N, C-alpha and C. Protein backbone atom coordinates (compact mmCIF):
# COMPACT_ATOMS: atom_id res chain seq x y z
N UNK A 1 -4.42 -7.89 28.71
CA UNK A 1 -3.18 -7.59 28.02
C UNK A 1 -2.98 -6.07 27.92
N UNK A 2 -1.75 -5.62 28.15
CA UNK A 2 -1.47 -4.19 28.13
C UNK A 2 -1.61 -3.63 26.71
N UNK A 3 -2.06 -2.37 26.64
CA UNK A 3 -2.32 -1.74 25.35
C UNK A 3 -1.06 -1.68 24.49
N UNK A 4 0.08 -1.35 25.07
CA UNK A 4 1.32 -1.26 24.28
C UNK A 4 1.66 -2.59 23.62
N UNK A 5 1.46 -3.69 24.36
CA UNK A 5 1.74 -5.01 23.82
C UNK A 5 0.75 -5.35 22.71
N UNK A 6 -0.50 -5.01 22.90
CA UNK A 6 -1.53 -5.25 21.89
C UNK A 6 -1.18 -4.53 20.59
N UNK A 7 -0.78 -3.28 20.71
CA UNK A 7 -0.45 -2.50 19.51
C UNK A 7 0.80 -3.03 18.82
N UNK A 8 1.77 -3.48 19.61
CA UNK A 8 2.97 -4.08 19.02
C UNK A 8 2.61 -5.35 18.27
N UNK A 9 1.77 -6.19 18.87
CA UNK A 9 1.35 -7.43 18.22
C UNK A 9 0.52 -7.14 16.97
N UNK A 10 -0.28 -6.09 17.02
CA UNK A 10 -1.06 -5.69 15.85
C UNK A 10 -0.13 -5.31 14.70
N UNK A 11 0.89 -4.52 15.02
CA UNK A 11 1.85 -4.10 13.99
C UNK A 11 2.61 -5.30 13.43
N UNK A 12 3.00 -6.23 14.30
CA UNK A 12 3.72 -7.42 13.85
C UNK A 12 2.84 -8.30 12.97
N UNK A 13 1.57 -8.44 13.35
CA UNK A 13 0.62 -9.20 12.54
C UNK A 13 0.52 -8.59 11.15
N UNK A 14 0.35 -7.27 11.11
CA UNK A 14 0.28 -6.58 9.83
C UNK A 14 1.54 -6.74 9.01
N UNK A 15 2.69 -6.65 9.68
CA UNK A 15 3.97 -6.76 8.99
C UNK A 15 4.14 -8.14 8.35
N UNK A 16 3.80 -9.18 9.09
CA UNK A 16 3.94 -10.54 8.56
C UNK A 16 3.03 -10.74 7.35
N UNK A 17 1.78 -10.31 7.46
CA UNK A 17 0.86 -10.43 6.33
C UNK A 17 1.32 -9.58 5.15
N UNK A 18 1.80 -8.38 5.44
CA UNK A 18 2.28 -7.50 4.38
C UNK A 18 3.51 -8.02 3.68
N UNK A 19 4.26 -8.87 4.35
CA UNK A 19 5.51 -9.40 3.78
C UNK A 19 5.29 -10.50 2.75
N UNK A 20 4.06 -10.98 2.60
CA UNK A 20 3.80 -12.04 1.62
C UNK A 20 4.16 -11.52 0.22
N UNK A 21 5.13 -12.13 -0.46
CA UNK A 21 5.64 -11.60 -1.73
C UNK A 21 4.78 -11.99 -2.93
N UNK A 22 3.61 -11.44 -3.01
CA UNK A 22 2.64 -11.80 -4.05
C UNK A 22 3.21 -11.69 -5.46
N UNK A 23 3.82 -10.55 -5.76
CA UNK A 23 4.32 -10.31 -7.12
C UNK A 23 5.39 -11.33 -7.50
N UNK A 24 6.27 -11.65 -6.57
CA UNK A 24 7.33 -12.62 -6.85
C UNK A 24 6.73 -13.98 -7.17
N UNK A 25 5.76 -14.39 -6.38
CA UNK A 25 5.15 -15.71 -6.54
C UNK A 25 4.38 -15.82 -7.85
N UNK A 26 3.53 -14.84 -8.15
CA UNK A 26 2.69 -14.94 -9.35
C UNK A 26 3.48 -14.71 -10.63
N UNK A 27 4.51 -13.89 -10.58
CA UNK A 27 5.36 -13.71 -11.76
C UNK A 27 6.18 -14.96 -12.02
N UNK A 28 6.58 -15.64 -10.96
CA UNK A 28 7.37 -16.87 -11.10
C UNK A 28 6.56 -17.95 -11.80
N UNK A 29 5.26 -17.94 -11.61
CA UNK A 29 4.40 -18.91 -12.30
C UNK A 29 4.42 -18.73 -13.81
N UNK A 30 4.85 -17.55 -14.26
CA UNK A 30 4.98 -17.26 -15.69
C UNK A 30 6.44 -17.35 -16.15
N UNK A 31 7.28 -17.93 -15.32
CA UNK A 31 8.67 -18.14 -15.71
C UNK A 31 9.62 -17.02 -15.37
N UNK A 32 9.14 -15.99 -14.68
CA UNK A 32 10.02 -14.88 -14.28
C UNK A 32 10.56 -15.20 -12.89
N UNK A 33 11.83 -15.49 -12.81
CA UNK A 33 12.42 -15.97 -11.57
C UNK A 33 12.30 -14.95 -10.43
N UNK A 34 12.60 -13.68 -10.72
CA UNK A 34 12.51 -12.64 -9.69
C UNK A 34 12.04 -11.34 -10.34
N UNK A 35 10.81 -10.96 -10.07
CA UNK A 35 10.21 -9.77 -10.68
C UNK A 35 11.01 -8.51 -10.35
N UNK A 36 11.77 -8.55 -9.25
CA UNK A 36 12.54 -7.38 -8.84
C UNK A 36 13.79 -7.17 -9.69
N UNK A 37 14.08 -8.15 -10.54
CA UNK A 37 15.22 -8.03 -11.46
C UNK A 37 14.74 -7.88 -12.90
N UNK A 38 13.45 -7.59 -13.05
CA UNK A 38 12.84 -7.47 -14.38
C UNK A 38 12.05 -6.17 -14.48
N UNK A 39 11.99 -5.61 -15.66
CA UNK A 39 11.20 -4.40 -15.87
C UNK A 39 11.67 -3.24 -15.00
N UNK A 40 10.74 -2.66 -14.26
CA UNK A 40 11.08 -1.52 -13.40
C UNK A 40 11.81 -1.95 -12.13
N UNK A 41 11.77 -3.26 -11.83
CA UNK A 41 12.40 -3.76 -10.62
C UNK A 41 11.52 -3.65 -9.39
N UNK A 42 10.30 -3.17 -9.57
CA UNK A 42 9.39 -3.01 -8.45
C UNK A 42 8.56 -4.27 -8.23
N UNK A 43 8.35 -4.61 -6.97
CA UNK A 43 7.54 -5.78 -6.62
C UNK A 43 6.08 -5.35 -6.48
N UNK A 44 5.46 -5.02 -7.64
CA UNK A 44 4.10 -4.53 -7.61
C UNK A 44 3.31 -4.87 -8.86
N UNK A 45 2.05 -4.50 -8.84
CA UNK A 45 1.11 -4.87 -9.90
C UNK A 45 1.53 -4.37 -11.28
N UNK A 46 1.93 -3.11 -11.38
CA UNK A 46 2.23 -2.55 -12.70
C UNK A 46 3.43 -3.24 -13.35
N UNK A 47 4.43 -3.58 -12.56
CA UNK A 47 5.60 -4.28 -13.11
C UNK A 47 5.23 -5.69 -13.54
N UNK A 48 4.38 -6.34 -12.75
CA UNK A 48 3.91 -7.68 -13.13
C UNK A 48 3.09 -7.61 -14.41
N UNK A 49 2.26 -6.58 -14.54
CA UNK A 49 1.44 -6.41 -15.74
C UNK A 49 2.33 -6.26 -16.98
N UNK A 50 3.37 -5.45 -16.88
CA UNK A 50 4.26 -5.20 -18.01
C UNK A 50 5.07 -6.44 -18.40
N UNK A 51 5.47 -7.21 -17.41
CA UNK A 51 6.41 -8.29 -17.67
C UNK A 51 5.80 -9.69 -17.70
N UNK A 52 4.69 -9.89 -16.98
CA UNK A 52 4.11 -11.24 -16.90
C UNK A 52 2.69 -11.32 -17.44
N UNK A 53 2.03 -10.18 -17.67
CA UNK A 53 0.69 -10.22 -18.25
C UNK A 53 -0.43 -9.92 -17.27
N UNK A 54 -1.65 -9.90 -17.82
CA UNK A 54 -2.82 -9.48 -17.05
C UNK A 54 -3.19 -10.46 -15.93
N UNK A 55 -3.11 -11.75 -16.21
CA UNK A 55 -3.50 -12.74 -15.20
C UNK A 55 -2.70 -12.62 -13.92
N UNK A 56 -1.37 -12.74 -14.01
CA UNK A 56 -0.55 -12.58 -12.80
C UNK A 56 -0.70 -11.21 -12.15
N UNK A 57 -0.90 -10.17 -12.98
CA UNK A 57 -1.05 -8.82 -12.44
C UNK A 57 -2.33 -8.71 -11.61
N UNK A 58 -3.42 -9.29 -12.12
CA UNK A 58 -4.68 -9.25 -11.38
C UNK A 58 -4.55 -10.01 -10.06
N UNK A 59 -3.89 -11.18 -10.10
CA UNK A 59 -3.68 -11.96 -8.88
C UNK A 59 -2.83 -11.18 -7.87
N UNK A 60 -1.81 -10.50 -8.38
CA UNK A 60 -0.94 -9.71 -7.52
C UNK A 60 -1.71 -8.58 -6.86
N UNK A 61 -2.50 -7.86 -7.67
CA UNK A 61 -3.29 -6.75 -7.13
C UNK A 61 -4.26 -7.25 -6.06
N UNK A 62 -4.97 -8.33 -6.36
CA UNK A 62 -5.94 -8.86 -5.41
C UNK A 62 -5.26 -9.29 -4.11
N UNK A 63 -4.14 -9.99 -4.24
CA UNK A 63 -3.43 -10.46 -3.05
C UNK A 63 -2.88 -9.30 -2.22
N UNK A 64 -2.35 -8.29 -2.90
CA UNK A 64 -1.79 -7.15 -2.17
C UNK A 64 -2.87 -6.34 -1.46
N UNK A 65 -4.02 -6.16 -2.10
CA UNK A 65 -5.13 -5.48 -1.43
C UNK A 65 -5.60 -6.30 -0.24
N UNK A 66 -5.68 -7.61 -0.42
CA UNK A 66 -6.12 -8.49 0.66
C UNK A 66 -5.16 -8.48 1.84
N UNK A 67 -3.88 -8.22 1.58
CA UNK A 67 -2.93 -8.12 2.69
C UNK A 67 -3.33 -6.97 3.62
N UNK A 68 -3.70 -5.85 3.04
CA UNK A 68 -4.15 -4.72 3.85
C UNK A 68 -5.47 -4.98 4.53
N UNK A 69 -6.42 -5.54 3.78
CA UNK A 69 -7.73 -5.88 4.34
C UNK A 69 -7.57 -6.88 5.47
N UNK A 70 -6.80 -7.94 5.21
CA UNK A 70 -6.61 -8.99 6.20
C UNK A 70 -5.94 -8.51 7.47
N UNK A 71 -4.92 -7.67 7.31
CA UNK A 71 -4.21 -7.15 8.47
C UNK A 71 -5.13 -6.30 9.34
N UNK A 72 -5.87 -5.40 8.71
CA UNK A 72 -6.76 -4.51 9.46
C UNK A 72 -7.89 -5.29 10.13
N UNK A 73 -8.52 -6.18 9.37
CA UNK A 73 -9.66 -6.93 9.91
C UNK A 73 -9.22 -7.91 11.00
N UNK A 74 -8.10 -8.60 10.78
CA UNK A 74 -7.63 -9.58 11.76
C UNK A 74 -7.25 -8.89 13.07
N UNK A 75 -6.56 -7.77 12.97
CA UNK A 75 -6.15 -7.06 14.19
C UNK A 75 -7.38 -6.58 14.97
N UNK A 76 -8.36 -6.07 14.27
CA UNK A 76 -9.56 -5.56 14.93
C UNK A 76 -10.34 -6.71 15.60
N UNK A 77 -10.33 -7.87 14.97
CA UNK A 77 -11.04 -9.03 15.51
C UNK A 77 -10.28 -9.63 16.70
N UNK A 78 -8.97 -9.82 16.53
CA UNK A 78 -8.17 -10.47 17.57
C UNK A 78 -7.94 -9.55 18.76
N UNK A 79 -7.68 -8.29 18.48
CA UNK A 79 -7.35 -7.33 19.54
C UNK A 79 -8.45 -6.28 19.68
N UNK A 80 -9.66 -6.75 19.80
CA UNK A 80 -10.82 -5.84 19.81
C UNK A 80 -10.80 -4.87 20.99
N UNK A 81 -10.11 -5.25 22.08
CA UNK A 81 -10.08 -4.36 23.24
C UNK A 81 -9.33 -3.05 22.95
N UNK A 82 -8.50 -3.05 21.91
CA UNK A 82 -7.78 -1.82 21.54
C UNK A 82 -8.59 -0.95 20.59
N UNK A 83 -9.74 -1.45 20.15
CA UNK A 83 -10.58 -0.68 19.23
C UNK A 83 -9.92 -0.47 17.88
N UNK A 84 -10.23 0.64 17.27
CA UNK A 84 -9.72 0.92 15.93
C UNK A 84 -8.22 1.22 15.91
N UNK A 85 -7.66 1.50 17.07
CA UNK A 85 -6.22 1.77 17.12
C UNK A 85 -5.43 0.57 16.61
N UNK A 86 -5.93 -0.64 16.90
CA UNK A 86 -5.25 -1.85 16.42
C UNK A 86 -5.23 -1.91 14.90
N UNK A 87 -6.28 -1.37 14.27
CA UNK A 87 -6.34 -1.34 12.80
C UNK A 87 -5.22 -0.47 12.24
N UNK A 88 -5.02 0.69 12.85
CA UNK A 88 -4.01 1.62 12.34
C UNK A 88 -2.60 1.05 12.48
N UNK A 89 -2.34 0.39 13.60
CA UNK A 89 -1.02 -0.22 13.79
C UNK A 89 -0.81 -1.40 12.85
N UNK A 90 -1.84 -2.23 12.71
CA UNK A 90 -1.73 -3.36 11.78
C UNK A 90 -1.61 -2.87 10.34
N UNK A 91 -2.35 -1.82 10.02
CA UNK A 91 -2.28 -1.25 8.67
C UNK A 91 -0.91 -0.71 8.35
N UNK A 92 -0.31 -0.01 9.30
CA UNK A 92 1.04 0.51 9.09
C UNK A 92 2.03 -0.64 8.96
N UNK A 93 1.81 -1.70 9.75
CA UNK A 93 2.66 -2.88 9.64
C UNK A 93 2.57 -3.52 8.26
N UNK A 94 1.35 -3.59 7.72
CA UNK A 94 1.15 -4.18 6.39
C UNK A 94 1.83 -3.34 5.31
N UNK A 95 1.73 -2.02 5.42
CA UNK A 95 2.37 -1.12 4.46
C UNK A 95 3.89 -1.32 4.48
N UNK A 96 4.46 -1.34 5.68
CA UNK A 96 5.91 -1.51 5.81
C UNK A 96 6.34 -2.93 5.44
N UNK A 97 5.48 -3.91 5.73
CA UNK A 97 5.78 -5.28 5.36
C UNK A 97 5.88 -5.45 3.85
N UNK A 98 5.00 -4.78 3.12
CA UNK A 98 5.06 -4.86 1.66
C UNK A 98 6.32 -4.17 1.13
N UNK A 99 6.70 -3.07 1.76
CA UNK A 99 7.90 -2.34 1.33
C UNK A 99 9.18 -3.08 1.67
N UNK A 100 9.20 -3.67 2.86
CA UNK A 100 10.40 -4.34 3.37
C UNK A 100 10.05 -5.75 3.84
N UNK A 101 9.69 -6.65 2.91
CA UNK A 101 9.18 -7.98 3.28
C UNK A 101 10.25 -8.91 3.83
N UNK A 102 9.98 -9.46 4.99
CA UNK A 102 10.92 -10.39 5.61
C UNK A 102 11.07 -11.67 4.78
N UNK A 103 10.05 -12.01 3.99
CA UNK A 103 10.09 -13.23 3.17
C UNK A 103 10.71 -13.01 1.80
N UNK A 104 11.17 -11.80 1.53
CA UNK A 104 11.76 -11.51 0.21
C UNK A 104 12.97 -10.59 0.34
N UNK A 105 13.78 -10.85 1.35
CA UNK A 105 15.02 -10.11 1.50
C UNK A 105 14.86 -8.62 1.75
N UNK A 106 13.72 -8.22 2.28
CA UNK A 106 13.44 -6.82 2.63
C UNK A 106 13.46 -5.89 1.41
N UNK A 107 13.27 -6.46 0.23
CA UNK A 107 13.21 -5.68 -1.01
C UNK A 107 11.82 -5.82 -1.61
N UNK A 108 10.94 -4.88 -1.29
CA UNK A 108 9.55 -5.00 -1.71
C UNK A 108 9.09 -3.91 -2.64
N UNK A 109 7.79 -3.63 -2.58
CA UNK A 109 7.17 -2.68 -3.49
C UNK A 109 6.87 -1.36 -2.83
N UNK A 110 5.90 -0.66 -3.40
CA UNK A 110 5.59 0.70 -2.95
C UNK A 110 4.35 0.78 -2.06
N UNK A 111 3.61 -0.31 -1.94
CA UNK A 111 2.51 -0.46 -0.98
C UNK A 111 1.22 0.29 -1.30
N UNK A 112 1.03 0.72 -2.54
CA UNK A 112 -0.24 1.37 -2.87
C UNK A 112 -1.42 0.42 -2.69
N UNK A 113 -1.27 -0.82 -3.14
CA UNK A 113 -2.37 -1.78 -3.05
C UNK A 113 -2.63 -2.19 -1.60
N UNK A 114 -1.56 -2.45 -0.85
CA UNK A 114 -1.74 -2.83 0.56
C UNK A 114 -2.39 -1.70 1.35
N UNK A 115 -1.95 -0.48 1.10
CA UNK A 115 -2.55 0.68 1.75
C UNK A 115 -4.01 0.83 1.36
N UNK A 116 -4.31 0.57 0.10
CA UNK A 116 -5.70 0.64 -0.37
C UNK A 116 -6.57 -0.37 0.36
N UNK A 117 -6.01 -1.55 0.64
CA UNK A 117 -6.75 -2.56 1.38
C UNK A 117 -7.09 -2.10 2.79
N UNK A 118 -6.15 -1.43 3.45
CA UNK A 118 -6.41 -0.90 4.78
C UNK A 118 -7.50 0.18 4.71
N UNK A 119 -7.40 1.04 3.71
CA UNK A 119 -8.40 2.10 3.54
C UNK A 119 -9.79 1.53 3.29
N UNK A 120 -9.83 0.39 2.61
CA UNK A 120 -11.11 -0.25 2.33
C UNK A 120 -11.83 -0.61 3.63
N UNK A 121 -11.06 -0.89 4.67
CA UNK A 121 -11.64 -1.22 5.97
C UNK A 121 -11.98 0.04 6.76
N UNK A 122 -11.07 1.01 6.80
CA UNK A 122 -11.30 2.17 7.68
C UNK A 122 -12.11 3.28 7.02
N UNK A 123 -12.05 3.40 5.69
CA UNK A 123 -12.81 4.46 5.02
C UNK A 123 -12.90 4.23 3.52
N UNK A 124 -13.90 3.48 3.07
CA UNK A 124 -14.08 3.29 1.63
C UNK A 124 -14.25 4.61 0.88
N UNK A 125 -14.86 5.60 1.54
CA UNK A 125 -15.06 6.90 0.89
C UNK A 125 -13.72 7.58 0.60
N UNK A 126 -12.80 7.51 1.55
CA UNK A 126 -11.49 8.11 1.36
C UNK A 126 -10.74 7.39 0.25
N UNK A 127 -10.83 6.06 0.24
CA UNK A 127 -10.20 5.28 -0.83
C UNK A 127 -10.76 5.68 -2.18
N UNK A 128 -12.06 5.83 -2.27
CA UNK A 128 -12.69 6.23 -3.53
C UNK A 128 -12.18 7.60 -3.98
N UNK A 129 -12.00 8.51 -3.03
CA UNK A 129 -11.49 9.83 -3.36
C UNK A 129 -10.07 9.79 -3.90
N UNK A 130 -9.23 8.98 -3.28
CA UNK A 130 -7.84 8.85 -3.72
C UNK A 130 -7.77 8.21 -5.10
N UNK A 131 -8.57 7.15 -5.31
CA UNK A 131 -8.57 6.48 -6.61
C UNK A 131 -9.08 7.40 -7.71
N UNK A 132 -10.10 8.19 -7.39
CA UNK A 132 -10.62 9.15 -8.37
C UNK A 132 -9.55 10.18 -8.73
N UNK A 133 -8.82 10.65 -7.71
CA UNK A 133 -7.74 11.61 -7.96
C UNK A 133 -6.65 10.98 -8.80
N UNK A 134 -6.31 9.72 -8.50
CA UNK A 134 -5.27 9.03 -9.26
C UNK A 134 -5.67 8.88 -10.73
N UNK A 135 -6.91 8.45 -10.97
CA UNK A 135 -7.39 8.26 -12.34
C UNK A 135 -7.37 9.58 -13.10
N UNK A 136 -7.81 10.64 -12.45
CA UNK A 136 -7.82 11.96 -13.09
C UNK A 136 -6.40 12.39 -13.46
N UNK A 137 -5.47 12.24 -12.52
CA UNK A 137 -4.09 12.64 -12.78
C UNK A 137 -3.45 11.79 -13.87
N UNK A 138 -3.80 10.50 -13.90
CA UNK A 138 -3.23 9.62 -14.92
C UNK A 138 -3.73 10.02 -16.31
N UNK A 139 -4.98 10.42 -16.39
CA UNK A 139 -5.52 10.87 -17.68
C UNK A 139 -4.86 12.18 -18.13
N UNK A 140 -4.46 12.99 -17.17
CA UNK A 140 -3.82 14.26 -17.49
C UNK A 140 -2.35 14.07 -17.87
N UNK A 141 -1.62 13.31 -17.05
CA UNK A 141 -0.16 13.19 -17.23
C UNK A 141 0.30 11.90 -17.90
N UNK A 142 -0.53 10.86 -17.84
CA UNK A 142 -0.17 9.55 -18.38
C UNK A 142 1.14 9.03 -17.77
N UNK A 143 1.33 9.30 -16.49
CA UNK A 143 2.52 8.85 -15.76
C UNK A 143 2.07 8.28 -14.41
N UNK A 144 2.48 7.05 -14.12
CA UNK A 144 2.03 6.37 -12.91
C UNK A 144 2.56 7.04 -11.65
N UNK A 145 3.87 7.31 -11.60
CA UNK A 145 4.46 7.87 -10.38
C UNK A 145 3.92 9.26 -10.08
N UNK A 146 3.82 10.10 -11.11
CA UNK A 146 3.29 11.45 -10.91
C UNK A 146 1.85 11.37 -10.41
N UNK A 147 1.07 10.49 -11.01
CA UNK A 147 -0.34 10.34 -10.61
C UNK A 147 -0.45 9.89 -9.16
N UNK A 148 0.39 8.92 -8.79
CA UNK A 148 0.36 8.40 -7.42
C UNK A 148 0.78 9.47 -6.42
N UNK A 149 1.82 10.20 -6.76
CA UNK A 149 2.31 11.24 -5.85
C UNK A 149 1.28 12.34 -5.65
N UNK A 150 0.69 12.80 -6.74
CA UNK A 150 -0.30 13.87 -6.63
C UNK A 150 -1.52 13.41 -5.84
N UNK A 151 -1.96 12.18 -6.08
CA UNK A 151 -3.12 11.66 -5.36
C UNK A 151 -2.85 11.61 -3.86
N UNK A 152 -1.63 11.20 -3.48
CA UNK A 152 -1.33 11.13 -2.06
C UNK A 152 -1.03 12.50 -1.47
N UNK A 153 -0.67 13.46 -2.31
CA UNK A 153 -0.54 14.83 -1.81
C UNK A 153 -1.91 15.40 -1.47
N UNK A 154 -2.93 14.88 -2.12
CA UNK A 154 -4.30 15.33 -1.85
C UNK A 154 -4.85 14.73 -0.56
N UNK A 155 -4.13 13.75 -0.02
CA UNK A 155 -4.60 13.03 1.15
C UNK A 155 -4.97 13.94 2.32
N UNK A 156 -4.14 14.91 2.71
CA UNK A 156 -4.53 15.75 3.85
C UNK A 156 -5.87 16.47 3.65
N UNK A 157 -6.09 16.97 2.45
CA UNK A 157 -7.35 17.66 2.17
C UNK A 157 -8.53 16.70 2.27
N UNK A 158 -8.34 15.50 1.73
CA UNK A 158 -9.42 14.51 1.79
C UNK A 158 -9.71 14.13 3.23
N UNK A 159 -8.66 14.02 4.04
CA UNK A 159 -8.85 13.69 5.45
C UNK A 159 -9.66 14.79 6.15
N UNK A 160 -9.31 16.03 5.86
CA UNK A 160 -10.03 17.15 6.48
C UNK A 160 -11.51 17.13 6.11
N UNK A 161 -11.79 16.78 4.87
CA UNK A 161 -13.18 16.75 4.42
C UNK A 161 -13.95 15.60 5.08
N UNK A 162 -13.31 14.43 5.13
CA UNK A 162 -14.02 13.23 5.59
C UNK A 162 -13.86 12.99 7.09
N UNK A 163 -12.68 13.28 7.62
CA UNK A 163 -12.37 12.93 9.02
C UNK A 163 -11.88 14.13 9.81
N UNK A 164 -12.58 15.22 9.80
CA UNK A 164 -12.16 16.41 10.55
C UNK A 164 -11.99 16.07 12.03
N UNK A 165 -10.79 16.28 12.53
CA UNK A 165 -10.52 16.07 13.94
C UNK A 165 -10.22 14.65 14.36
N UNK A 166 -10.11 13.71 13.40
CA UNK A 166 -9.84 12.31 13.75
C UNK A 166 -8.34 12.11 13.90
N UNK A 167 -7.81 12.31 15.10
CA UNK A 167 -6.38 12.30 15.35
C UNK A 167 -5.64 11.04 14.98
N UNK A 168 -6.10 9.89 15.47
CA UNK A 168 -5.39 8.64 15.19
C UNK A 168 -5.41 8.31 13.71
N UNK A 169 -6.53 8.49 13.08
CA UNK A 169 -6.62 8.23 11.64
C UNK A 169 -5.69 9.16 10.87
N UNK A 170 -5.67 10.40 11.27
CA UNK A 170 -4.82 11.38 10.60
C UNK A 170 -3.36 10.97 10.69
N UNK A 171 -2.92 10.56 11.87
CA UNK A 171 -1.52 10.14 12.06
C UNK A 171 -1.20 8.94 11.19
N UNK A 172 -2.08 7.93 11.20
CA UNK A 172 -1.84 6.74 10.39
C UNK A 172 -1.78 7.07 8.91
N UNK A 173 -2.78 7.80 8.42
CA UNK A 173 -2.86 8.08 6.99
C UNK A 173 -1.70 8.95 6.52
N UNK A 174 -1.29 9.91 7.33
CA UNK A 174 -0.17 10.76 6.95
C UNK A 174 1.14 9.98 6.98
N UNK A 175 1.31 9.11 7.97
CA UNK A 175 2.54 8.31 8.06
C UNK A 175 2.64 7.35 6.87
N UNK A 176 1.55 6.64 6.60
CA UNK A 176 1.56 5.70 5.48
C UNK A 176 1.76 6.44 4.16
N UNK A 177 1.04 7.55 3.98
CA UNK A 177 1.20 8.34 2.76
C UNK A 177 2.61 8.87 2.60
N UNK A 178 3.24 9.24 3.72
CA UNK A 178 4.62 9.73 3.67
C UNK A 178 5.59 8.67 3.21
N UNK A 179 5.47 7.46 3.77
CA UNK A 179 6.35 6.36 3.36
C UNK A 179 6.13 6.02 1.88
N UNK A 180 4.88 5.99 1.47
CA UNK A 180 4.58 5.67 0.07
C UNK A 180 5.14 6.75 -0.86
N UNK A 181 5.02 8.00 -0.45
CA UNK A 181 5.59 9.08 -1.25
C UNK A 181 7.10 8.95 -1.40
N UNK A 182 7.77 8.59 -0.31
CA UNK A 182 9.22 8.40 -0.36
C UNK A 182 9.60 7.25 -1.29
N UNK A 183 8.79 6.21 -1.31
CA UNK A 183 9.08 5.06 -2.19
C UNK A 183 8.91 5.41 -3.66
N UNK A 184 8.17 6.47 -3.94
CA UNK A 184 7.94 6.88 -5.33
C UNK A 184 8.93 7.94 -5.82
N UNK A 185 9.82 8.39 -4.95
CA UNK A 185 10.62 9.57 -5.31
C UNK A 185 11.51 9.34 -6.53
N UNK A 186 12.08 8.13 -6.68
CA UNK A 186 12.93 7.86 -7.84
C UNK A 186 12.14 7.89 -9.14
N UNK A 187 11.02 7.16 -9.16
CA UNK A 187 10.17 7.13 -10.35
C UNK A 187 9.58 8.51 -10.63
N UNK A 188 9.28 9.24 -9.57
CA UNK A 188 8.71 10.57 -9.73
C UNK A 188 9.69 11.49 -10.45
N UNK A 189 10.95 11.41 -10.06
CA UNK A 189 11.98 12.24 -10.70
C UNK A 189 12.08 11.94 -12.19
N UNK A 190 12.05 10.65 -12.54
CA UNK A 190 12.13 10.25 -13.95
C UNK A 190 10.90 10.73 -14.72
N UNK A 191 9.73 10.60 -14.11
CA UNK A 191 8.49 11.03 -14.78
C UNK A 191 8.49 12.53 -15.03
N UNK A 192 8.96 13.28 -14.05
CA UNK A 192 8.99 14.74 -14.20
C UNK A 192 9.94 15.14 -15.33
N UNK A 193 11.10 14.48 -15.41
CA UNK A 193 12.05 14.77 -16.48
C UNK A 193 11.45 14.48 -17.85
N UNK A 194 10.66 13.40 -17.93
CA UNK A 194 10.06 13.04 -19.22
C UNK A 194 8.95 13.99 -19.62
N UNK A 195 8.37 14.68 -18.63
CA UNK A 195 7.28 15.62 -18.92
C UNK A 195 7.79 17.01 -19.31
N UNK A 196 9.03 17.30 -18.90
CA UNK A 196 9.58 18.64 -19.16
C UNK A 196 10.08 18.75 -20.60
């Protein structure tokens, strides 16, 4: 099979897995018809936690992380001839699938958990660094969007420390981080106003 086709299929596999609307399903079990019309309107763990409670939030987080893990691992197993490149394409597909899910009207979340799942496969150390940065920033600012944005701004430095010269990884991580940053821009603006 040609490499271009393999990478396209890897991305599609990731996109389909990423499109699974975890937050919508688990919030609905608590009587919330559409989590995207409740609370912050985001299809993610924090909104489920605020509106549906800890149980559905934990299930949402686990499922969203598993979307990233599953996409990366499945692509690497099925399309092993493409090597780790298949992981990066599947991972990007999972990130975009969570943001623009085909099974939920293309109105999804911000993909932090799905991206974390991909990182768990390609670099647990990098994931640990990002999570540590996020926790530190949250303790300082007590704002989710600001903490997420700052942690992902640290991504290039973390990549340089852990993956100096790793071209494909750098492209994937920067692209995913860029999309995630864009998804946070509205919340980030509100958080900054509240801090001033």
